[in-house]
Amino acid sequence: MGIAALLLGSNEGDRVTYLDKAKEFIEIQAGSIIKKSSLWETAAWGITDQPNFINQALLVETILEPHLLLEKLLGIEELLGRKRIEKWGPRIIDIDILYYDNIIINENDLKIPHPFLPERRFTLIPLNEISPVWVHPILHKTVGKLLEECEDEGEVSVYKRE
């Protein structure tokens, strides 16, 4: 059994409904959601000229090893209608693995912890809400410390408390 931290995001269509459907499929296909952050409205990152996202961090208890978990999450995105057209472009659903226990994976198709985690307030703020003392296995800093040091100035505000 492992604990994975995931980040869900949507900036197209009924954003909250896409997040809710993704959580339902995660429970069925990937594992039990044991903790979830509030919903956060966030400015787009990377390509900034697009609608705001709603993001939510989850802690999921899973029996799936990381590669199989990724496969299930990509399948959920596809099931919900995600089309991969433009890197960092608009999307109806995005599900990222932020960390999986203290595992480090650096492969072409899977990088854990997520390589951009320390650079993204829209990821660190919801993650800090549910897992502030998790220690990044490469940088050896807590999520709280990473958030404190993060230079990203993208807007992040509570959309809905869970």
N, C-alpha and C. Protein backbone atom coordinates (compact mmCIF):
# COMPACT_ATOMS: atom_id res chain seq x y z
N MET A 1 0.84 -1.18 0.00
CA MET A 1 0.00 0.00 0.00
C MET A 1 0.88 1.24 0.00
N GLY A 2 0.56 2.18 -0.85
CA GLY A 2 1.32 3.42 -0.91
C GLY A 2 0.39 4.62 -0.82
N ILE A 3 0.98 5.77 -0.52
CA ILE A 3 0.23 7.02 -0.50
C ILE A 3 0.77 7.91 -1.62
N ALA A 4 -0.15 8.27 -2.51
CA ALA A 4 0.21 9.16 -3.61
C ALA A 4 -0.49 10.49 -3.42
N ALA A 5 0.22 11.57 -3.70
CA ALA A 5 -0.39 12.89 -3.75
C ALA A 5 -0.63 13.21 -5.21
N LEU A 6 -1.86 13.59 -5.51
CA LEU A 6 -2.25 13.93 -6.88
C LEU A 6 -2.72 15.38 -6.93
N LEU A 7 -2.59 15.99 -8.08
CA LEU A 7 -3.18 17.31 -8.31
C LEU A 7 -4.12 17.19 -9.50
N LEU A 8 -5.38 17.57 -9.26
CA LEU A 8 -6.37 17.63 -10.31
C LEU A 8 -6.52 19.07 -10.76
N GLY A 9 -6.73 19.27 -12.05
CA GLY A 9 -6.94 20.62 -12.55
C GLY A 9 -7.87 20.61 -13.75
N SER A 10 -8.63 21.68 -13.90
CA SER A 10 -9.53 21.84 -15.05
C SER A 10 -9.71 23.32 -15.33
N ASN A 11 -9.69 23.68 -16.63
CA ASN A 11 -9.98 25.07 -16.98
C ASN A 11 -10.89 25.18 -18.21
N GLU A 12 -11.59 24.12 -18.52
CA GLU A 12 -12.55 24.14 -19.62
C GLU A 12 -13.86 23.51 -19.17
N GLY A 13 -14.96 24.03 -19.68
CA GLY A 13 -16.27 23.45 -19.38
C GLY A 13 -16.65 23.66 -17.92
N ASP A 14 -17.44 22.73 -17.40
CA ASP A 14 -17.86 22.77 -15.99
C ASP A 14 -16.72 22.19 -15.15
N ARG A 15 -15.82 23.06 -14.76
CA ARG A 15 -14.57 22.64 -14.11
C ARG A 15 -14.80 21.79 -12.87
N VAL A 16 -15.73 22.18 -12.02
CA VAL A 16 -15.98 21.44 -10.77
C VAL A 16 -16.53 20.05 -11.08
N THR A 17 -17.42 19.96 -12.05
CA THR A 17 -17.97 18.64 -12.42
C THR A 17 -16.87 17.72 -12.93
N TYR A 18 -15.95 18.24 -13.74
CA TYR A 18 -14.84 17.40 -14.21
C TYR A 18 -13.98 16.91 -13.04
N LEU A 19 -13.73 17.77 -12.06
CA LEU A 19 -12.95 17.34 -10.90
C LEU A 19 -13.72 16.28 -10.12
N ASP A 20 -15.03 16.48 -9.94
CA ASP A 20 -15.84 15.50 -9.21
C ASP A 20 -15.86 14.15 -9.91
N LYS A 21 -16.00 14.16 -11.24
CA LYS A 21 -16.01 12.90 -12.00
C LYS A 21 -14.64 12.21 -11.90
N ALA A 22 -13.58 13.00 -11.97
CA ALA A 22 -12.24 12.43 -11.86
C ALA A 22 -12.08 11.75 -10.50
N LYS A 23 -12.56 12.39 -9.43
CA LYS A 23 -12.45 11.78 -8.09
C LYS A 23 -13.24 10.48 -8.01
N GLU A 24 -14.42 10.44 -8.62
CA GLU A 24 -15.20 9.20 -8.63
C GLU A 24 -14.43 8.08 -9.31
N PHE A 25 -13.82 8.36 -10.47
CA PHE A 25 -13.07 7.34 -11.19
C PHE A 25 -11.79 6.95 -10.45
N ILE A 26 -11.16 7.90 -9.79
CA ILE A 26 -9.97 7.58 -9.00
C ILE A 26 -10.34 6.59 -7.91
N GLU A 27 -11.44 6.83 -7.22
CA GLU A 27 -11.90 5.91 -6.15
C GLU A 27 -12.15 4.51 -6.70
N ILE A 28 -12.69 4.42 -7.91
CA ILE A 28 -13.01 3.12 -8.51
C ILE A 28 -11.76 2.42 -9.04
N GLN A 29 -10.87 3.18 -9.69
CA GLN A 29 -9.78 2.56 -10.43
C GLN A 29 -8.40 2.65 -9.79
N ALA A 30 -8.20 3.61 -8.90
CA ALA A 30 -6.83 3.85 -8.43
C ALA A 30 -6.63 3.63 -6.93
N GLY A 31 -7.61 3.96 -6.11
CA GLY A 31 -7.45 3.80 -4.67
C GLY A 31 -8.39 4.70 -3.90
N SER A 32 -8.26 4.67 -2.60
CA SER A 32 -9.15 5.44 -1.73
C SER A 32 -8.59 6.84 -1.49
N ILE A 33 -9.46 7.83 -1.69
CA ILE A 33 -9.06 9.21 -1.38
C ILE A 33 -9.16 9.36 0.14
N ILE A 34 -8.03 9.63 0.77
CA ILE A 34 -8.02 9.74 2.24
C ILE A 34 -7.98 11.18 2.71
N LYS A 35 -7.65 12.09 1.81
CA LYS A 35 -7.63 13.51 2.16
C LYS A 35 -7.76 14.32 0.88
N LYS A 36 -8.49 15.44 0.95
CA LYS A 36 -8.59 16.32 -0.21
C LYS A 36 -8.54 17.76 0.23
N SER A 37 -7.90 18.58 -0.58
CA SER A 37 -7.79 20.00 -0.28
C SER A 37 -9.08 20.70 -0.67
N SER A 38 -9.14 21.97 -0.33
CA SER A 38 -10.18 22.83 -0.87
C SER A 38 -10.01 22.91 -2.38
N LEU A 39 -10.99 23.48 -3.05
CA LEU A 39 -10.85 23.80 -4.46
C LEU A 39 -10.22 25.18 -4.56
N TRP A 40 -9.22 25.31 -5.40
CA TRP A 40 -8.48 26.56 -5.54
C TRP A 40 -8.58 27.05 -6.96
N GLU A 41 -8.93 28.32 -7.14
CA GLU A 41 -8.92 28.91 -8.46
C GLU A 41 -7.54 29.51 -8.67
N THR A 42 -6.95 29.16 -9.81
CA THR A 42 -5.55 29.53 -10.03
C THR A 42 -5.34 30.06 -11.44
N ALA A 43 -4.43 30.99 -11.54
CA ALA A 43 -4.04 31.50 -12.85
C ALA A 43 -3.30 30.40 -13.60
N ALA A 44 -3.45 30.39 -14.92
CA ALA A 44 -2.75 29.41 -15.75
C ALA A 44 -1.24 29.62 -15.62
N TRP A 45 -0.50 28.56 -15.76
CA TRP A 45 0.96 28.56 -15.62
C TRP A 45 1.54 28.02 -16.92
N GLY A 46 2.65 28.53 -17.35
CA GLY A 46 3.26 28.05 -18.60
C GLY A 46 2.75 28.89 -19.77
N ILE A 47 1.54 28.58 -20.21
CA ILE A 47 0.85 29.40 -21.20
C ILE A 47 -0.23 30.14 -20.42
N THR A 48 -0.02 31.42 -20.20
CA THR A 48 -0.88 32.16 -19.27
C THR A 48 -2.12 32.76 -19.92
N ASP A 49 -2.18 32.81 -21.23
CA ASP A 49 -3.32 33.40 -21.93
C ASP A 49 -4.41 32.35 -22.15
N GLN A 50 -5.04 31.94 -21.04
CA GLN A 50 -6.12 30.96 -21.07
C GLN A 50 -6.92 31.10 -19.78
N PRO A 51 -8.11 30.48 -19.73
CA PRO A 51 -8.95 30.63 -18.53
C PRO A 51 -8.26 30.09 -17.28
N ASN A 52 -8.71 30.61 -16.13
CA ASN A 52 -8.21 30.13 -14.84
C ASN A 52 -8.57 28.66 -14.64
N PHE A 53 -7.75 28.00 -13.85
CA PHE A 53 -7.98 26.61 -13.48
C PHE A 53 -8.68 26.53 -12.13
N ILE A 54 -9.33 25.42 -11.90
CA ILE A 54 -9.67 25.01 -10.55
C ILE A 54 -8.80 23.80 -10.28
N ASN A 55 -8.07 23.84 -9.17
CA ASN A 55 -7.16 22.77 -8.78
C ASN A 55 -7.56 22.21 -7.43
N GLN A 56 -7.23 20.94 -7.23
CA GLN A 56 -7.45 20.29 -5.94
C GLN A 56 -6.38 19.21 -5.76
N ALA A 57 -5.79 19.17 -4.57
CA ALA A 57 -4.83 18.13 -4.24
C ALA A 57 -5.54 17.02 -3.48
N LEU A 58 -5.11 15.79 -3.74
CA LEU A 58 -5.66 14.61 -3.08
C LEU A 58 -4.53 13.75 -2.54
N LEU A 59 -4.79 13.09 -1.42
CA LEU A 59 -3.94 11.99 -0.98
C LEU A 59 -4.74 10.73 -1.23
N VAL A 60 -4.11 9.79 -1.93
CA VAL A 60 -4.78 8.56 -2.32
C VAL A 60 -3.97 7.37 -1.81
N GLU A 61 -4.65 6.49 -1.10
CA GLU A 61 -4.04 5.24 -0.67
C GLU A 61 -4.28 4.22 -1.78
N THR A 62 -3.20 3.64 -2.28
CA THR A 62 -3.32 2.78 -3.45
C THR A 62 -2.45 1.53 -3.33
N ILE A 63 -2.92 0.47 -3.99
CA ILE A 63 -2.10 -0.75 -4.09
C ILE A 63 -1.34 -0.76 -5.41
N LEU A 64 -1.62 0.21 -6.27
CA LEU A 64 -0.99 0.26 -7.59
C LEU A 64 0.43 0.80 -7.47
N GLU A 65 1.34 0.16 -8.17
CA GLU A 65 2.69 0.71 -8.23
C GLU A 65 2.64 1.96 -9.11
N PRO A 66 3.64 2.85 -9.02
CA PRO A 66 3.56 4.15 -9.69
C PRO A 66 3.24 4.12 -11.19
N HIS A 67 3.85 3.21 -11.95
CA HIS A 67 3.60 3.17 -13.40
C HIS A 67 2.16 2.77 -13.70
N LEU A 68 1.64 1.82 -12.96
CA LEU A 68 0.25 1.40 -13.16
C LEU A 68 -0.71 2.51 -12.72
N LEU A 69 -0.37 3.22 -11.64
CA LEU A 69 -1.18 4.35 -11.21
C LEU A 69 -1.23 5.40 -12.32
N LEU A 70 -0.08 5.73 -12.90
CA LEU A 70 -0.05 6.69 -14.00
C LEU A 70 -0.93 6.22 -15.15
N GLU A 71 -0.84 4.96 -15.50
CA GLU A 71 -1.65 4.40 -16.59
C GLU A 71 -3.14 4.58 -16.29
N LYS A 72 -3.55 4.30 -15.07
CA LYS A 72 -4.96 4.45 -14.68
C LYS A 72 -5.38 5.91 -14.76
N LEU A 73 -4.53 6.83 -14.29
CA LEU A 73 -4.87 8.26 -14.30
C LEU A 73 -4.98 8.80 -15.72
N LEU A 74 -4.08 8.37 -16.60
CA LEU A 74 -4.16 8.79 -18.00
C LEU A 74 -5.44 8.25 -18.64
N GLY A 75 -5.82 7.03 -18.26
CA GLY A 75 -7.07 6.44 -18.75
C GLY A 75 -8.28 7.23 -18.29
N ILE A 76 -8.24 7.70 -17.05
CA ILE A 76 -9.34 8.51 -16.51
C ILE A 76 -9.44 9.83 -17.28
N GLU A 77 -8.29 10.46 -17.53
CA GLU A 77 -8.30 11.70 -18.32
C GLU A 77 -8.94 11.46 -19.69
N GLU A 78 -8.54 10.38 -20.33
CA GLU A 78 -9.07 10.06 -21.65
C GLU A 78 -10.57 9.77 -21.58
N LEU A 79 -10.98 9.02 -20.58
CA LEU A 79 -12.40 8.70 -20.38
C LEU A 79 -13.25 9.96 -20.23
N LEU A 80 -12.69 10.97 -19.57
CA LEU A 80 -13.41 12.23 -19.36
C LEU A 80 -13.32 13.18 -20.57
N GLY A 81 -12.58 12.77 -21.60
CA GLY A 81 -12.54 13.54 -22.84
C GLY A 81 -11.32 14.41 -23.06
N ARG A 82 -10.27 14.20 -22.26
CA ARG A 82 -9.07 15.02 -22.44
C ARG A 82 -8.43 14.75 -23.78
N LYS A 83 -8.09 15.82 -24.47
CA LYS A 83 -7.33 15.75 -25.72
C LYS A 83 -6.02 16.49 -25.49
N ARG A 84 -4.91 15.83 -25.76
CA ARG A 84 -3.59 16.44 -25.59
C ARG A 84 -3.20 17.14 -26.88
N ILE A 85 -3.47 18.44 -26.93
CA ILE A 85 -3.23 19.22 -28.14
C ILE A 85 -2.00 20.10 -27.98
N GLU A 86 -1.90 20.79 -26.86
CA GLU A 86 -0.83 21.76 -26.65
C GLU A 86 -0.31 21.62 -25.22
N LYS A 87 1.00 21.43 -25.08
CA LYS A 87 1.58 21.34 -23.74
C LYS A 87 1.25 22.60 -22.95
N TRP A 88 0.73 22.40 -21.74
CA TRP A 88 0.33 23.46 -20.81
C TRP A 88 -0.85 24.27 -21.34
N GLY A 89 -1.53 23.76 -22.38
CA GLY A 89 -2.69 24.44 -22.92
C GLY A 89 -3.94 24.14 -22.12
N PRO A 90 -5.08 24.69 -22.54
CA PRO A 90 -6.35 24.45 -21.85
C PRO A 90 -6.70 22.96 -21.84
N ARG A 91 -7.37 22.53 -20.77
CA ARG A 91 -7.76 21.12 -20.69
C ARG A 91 -8.95 20.95 -19.76
N ILE A 92 -9.77 19.97 -20.10
CA ILE A 92 -10.94 19.73 -19.26
C ILE A 92 -10.56 19.00 -17.98
N ILE A 93 -9.48 18.23 -18.06
CA ILE A 93 -9.01 17.55 -16.84
C ILE A 93 -7.53 17.25 -16.98
N ASP A 94 -6.84 17.40 -15.88
CA ASP A 94 -5.42 17.06 -15.79
C ASP A 94 -5.23 16.42 -14.43
N ILE A 95 -4.56 15.28 -14.41
CA ILE A 95 -4.28 14.61 -13.14
C ILE A 95 -2.78 14.31 -13.09
N ASP A 96 -2.09 14.96 -12.17
CA ASP A 96 -0.65 14.77 -12.02
C ASP A 96 -0.34 14.02 -10.74
N ILE A 97 0.67 13.15 -10.81
CA ILE A 97 1.22 12.54 -9.60
C ILE A 97 2.29 13.49 -9.08
N LEU A 98 2.08 14.00 -7.86
CA LEU A 98 3.06 14.91 -7.26
C LEU A 98 4.14 14.15 -6.52
N TYR A 99 3.71 13.18 -5.73
CA TYR A 99 4.65 12.28 -5.08
C TYR A 99 3.97 10.95 -4.81
N TYR A 100 4.78 9.95 -4.52
CA TYR A 100 4.30 8.62 -4.17
C TYR A 100 5.23 8.14 -3.06
N ASP A 101 4.72 8.13 -1.84
CA ASP A 101 5.57 7.86 -0.67
C ASP A 101 6.83 8.72 -0.79
N ASN A 102 7.99 8.10 -0.62
CA ASN A 102 9.25 8.83 -0.79
C ASN A 102 10.04 8.31 -1.97
N ILE A 103 9.32 7.73 -2.93
CA ILE A 103 9.93 7.15 -4.12
C ILE A 103 10.45 8.26 -5.03
N ILE A 104 11.59 7.97 -5.66
CA ILE A 104 12.15 8.85 -6.68
C ILE A 104 12.19 8.05 -7.99
N ILE A 105 11.53 8.57 -9.01
CA ILE A 105 11.54 7.96 -10.34
C ILE A 105 11.89 9.07 -11.33
N ASN A 106 12.86 8.79 -12.19
CA ASN A 106 13.25 9.77 -13.21
C ASN A 106 13.36 9.05 -14.55
N GLU A 107 12.21 8.82 -15.16
CA GLU A 107 12.15 8.14 -16.45
C GLU A 107 11.44 9.05 -17.44
N ASN A 108 11.54 8.74 -18.72
CA ASN A 108 10.91 9.60 -19.74
C ASN A 108 9.42 9.75 -19.52
N ASP A 109 8.74 8.67 -19.16
CA ASP A 109 7.28 8.70 -19.06
C ASP A 109 6.77 9.01 -17.65
N LEU A 110 7.65 9.01 -16.66
CA LEU A 110 7.21 9.22 -15.28
C LEU A 110 8.34 9.82 -14.45
N LYS A 111 8.02 10.93 -13.82
CA LYS A 111 8.98 11.59 -12.92
C LYS A 111 8.28 11.84 -11.59
N ILE A 112 8.80 11.23 -10.54
CA ILE A 112 8.27 11.40 -9.18
C ILE A 112 9.45 11.68 -8.27
N PRO A 113 9.37 12.75 -7.44
CA PRO A 113 8.29 13.71 -7.34
C PRO A 113 8.18 14.54 -8.61
N HIS A 114 7.02 15.17 -8.78
CA HIS A 114 6.78 15.96 -9.97
C HIS A 114 7.87 17.02 -10.10
N PRO A 115 8.52 17.11 -11.27
CA PRO A 115 9.69 17.99 -11.40
C PRO A 115 9.40 19.48 -11.22
N PHE A 116 8.17 19.92 -11.49
CA PHE A 116 7.86 21.33 -11.35
C PHE A 116 7.22 21.68 -10.00
N LEU A 117 7.10 20.71 -9.13
CA LEU A 117 6.46 20.93 -7.83
C LEU A 117 6.99 22.15 -7.09
N PRO A 118 8.30 22.34 -6.95
CA PRO A 118 8.80 23.49 -6.18
C PRO A 118 8.54 24.84 -6.84
N GLU A 119 8.18 24.85 -8.13
CA GLU A 119 8.05 26.09 -8.88
C GLU A 119 6.61 26.57 -9.02
N ARG A 120 5.65 25.82 -8.51
CA ARG A 120 4.25 26.12 -8.79
C ARG A 120 3.43 26.35 -7.53
N ARG A 121 3.04 27.61 -7.30
CA ARG A 121 2.18 27.92 -6.14
C ARG A 121 0.85 27.20 -6.24
N PHE A 122 0.31 27.08 -7.47
CA PHE A 122 -0.99 26.45 -7.64
C PHE A 122 -0.98 24.97 -7.24
N THR A 123 0.20 24.40 -7.17
CA THR A 123 0.36 23.03 -6.70
C THR A 123 0.70 23.01 -5.21
N LEU A 124 1.62 23.86 -4.81
CA LEU A 124 2.09 23.85 -3.42
C LEU A 124 1.01 24.28 -2.43
N ILE A 125 0.18 25.25 -2.78
CA ILE A 125 -0.82 25.73 -1.82
C ILE A 125 -1.84 24.64 -1.48
N PRO A 126 -2.47 23.97 -2.47
CA PRO A 126 -3.39 22.89 -2.09
C PRO A 126 -2.68 21.71 -1.42
N LEU A 127 -1.46 21.40 -1.88
CA LEU A 127 -0.71 20.31 -1.26
C LEU A 127 -0.36 20.64 0.19
N ASN A 128 0.02 21.89 0.44
CA ASN A 128 0.35 22.31 1.80
C ASN A 128 -0.87 22.20 2.73
N GLU A 129 -2.04 22.39 2.18
CA GLU A 129 -3.26 22.28 2.97
C GLU A 129 -3.47 20.85 3.51
N ILE A 130 -3.07 19.85 2.74
CA ILE A 130 -3.33 18.45 3.15
C ILE A 130 -2.09 17.67 3.56
N SER A 131 -0.91 18.18 3.23
CA SER A 131 0.31 17.42 3.51
C SER A 131 1.51 18.35 3.72
N PRO A 132 1.43 19.28 4.70
CA PRO A 132 2.47 20.31 4.84
C PRO A 132 3.83 19.78 5.28
N VAL A 133 3.87 18.63 5.94
CA VAL A 133 5.15 18.15 6.47
C VAL A 133 5.79 17.05 5.61
N TRP A 134 5.15 16.71 4.47
CA TRP A 134 5.81 15.77 3.57
C TRP A 134 7.13 16.38 3.14
N VAL A 135 8.19 15.59 3.15
CA VAL A 135 9.53 16.07 2.80
C VAL A 135 9.88 15.61 1.39
N HIS A 136 10.21 16.57 0.55
CA HIS A 136 10.63 16.28 -0.82
C HIS A 136 11.87 15.39 -0.76
N PRO A 137 11.83 14.20 -1.38
CA PRO A 137 12.94 13.25 -1.21
C PRO A 137 14.24 13.65 -1.91
N ILE A 138 14.20 14.64 -2.77
CA ILE A 138 15.42 15.11 -3.44
C ILE A 138 15.92 16.39 -2.80
N LEU A 139 15.00 17.34 -2.58
CA LEU A 139 15.39 18.64 -2.04
C LEU A 139 15.46 18.66 -0.51
N HIS A 140 14.87 17.64 0.14
CA HIS A 140 14.89 17.51 1.61
C HIS A 140 14.28 18.72 2.31
N LYS A 141 13.17 19.20 1.74
CA LYS A 141 12.43 20.32 2.33
C LYS A 141 10.96 19.93 2.41
N THR A 142 10.29 20.43 3.44
CA THR A 142 8.85 20.17 3.57
C THR A 142 8.09 20.96 2.51
N VAL A 143 6.85 20.54 2.28
CA VAL A 143 5.98 21.28 1.36
C VAL A 143 5.85 22.73 1.84
N GLY A 144 5.69 22.91 3.15
CA GLY A 144 5.59 24.25 3.70
C GLY A 144 6.80 25.10 3.39
N LYS A 145 7.99 24.52 3.49
CA LYS A 145 9.23 25.25 3.19
C LYS A 145 9.33 25.55 1.70
N LEU A 146 8.93 24.59 0.85
CA LEU A 146 8.95 24.82 -0.59
C LEU A 146 8.01 25.97 -0.96
N LEU A 147 6.85 26.00 -0.32
CA LEU A 147 5.89 27.08 -0.58
C LEU A 147 6.48 28.43 -0.14
N GLU A 148 7.11 28.44 1.01
CA GLU A 148 7.73 29.66 1.53
C GLU A 148 8.79 30.19 0.56
N GLU A 149 9.53 29.30 -0.08
CA GLU A 149 10.62 29.68 -0.98
C GLU A 149 10.19 29.86 -2.44
N CYS A 150 8.97 29.48 -2.76
CA CYS A 150 8.50 29.50 -4.15
C CYS A 150 8.45 30.93 -4.68
N GLU A 151 9.02 31.14 -5.85
CA GLU A 151 9.07 32.47 -6.46
C GLU A 151 7.91 32.73 -7.41
N ASP A 152 7.10 31.73 -7.69
CA ASP A 152 5.93 31.88 -8.56
C ASP A 152 4.97 32.89 -7.94
N GLU A 153 4.51 33.84 -8.75
CA GLU A 153 3.60 34.86 -8.25
C GLU A 153 2.19 34.71 -8.82
N GLY A 154 1.91 33.54 -9.43
CA GLY A 154 0.59 33.29 -10.00
C GLY A 154 -0.49 33.39 -8.93
N GLU A 155 -1.64 33.93 -9.32
CA GLU A 155 -2.74 34.12 -8.38
C GLU A 155 -3.37 32.78 -8.01
N VAL A 156 -3.57 32.57 -6.73
CA VAL A 156 -4.21 31.36 -6.20
C VAL A 156 -5.15 31.81 -5.10
N SER A 157 -6.45 31.48 -5.24
CA SER A 157 -7.42 31.86 -4.21
C SER A 157 -8.42 30.73 -4.00
N VAL A 158 -8.97 30.68 -2.80
CA VAL A 158 -9.94 29.63 -2.48
C VAL A 158 -11.17 29.79 -3.36
N TYR A 159 -11.57 28.73 -4.00
CA TYR A 159 -12.80 28.70 -4.78
C TYR A 159 -13.93 28.11 -3.94
N LYS A 160 -13.60 27.02 -3.22
CA LYS A 160 -14.59 26.37 -2.36
C LYS A 160 -13.86 25.53 -1.33
N ARG A 161 -14.20 25.71 -0.06
CA ARG A 161 -13.62 24.89 1.00
C ARG A 161 -14.29 23.52 1.01
N GLU A 162 -13.50 22.49 1.17
CA GLU A 162 -14.03 21.11 1.22
C GLU A 162 -14.19 20.69 2.66
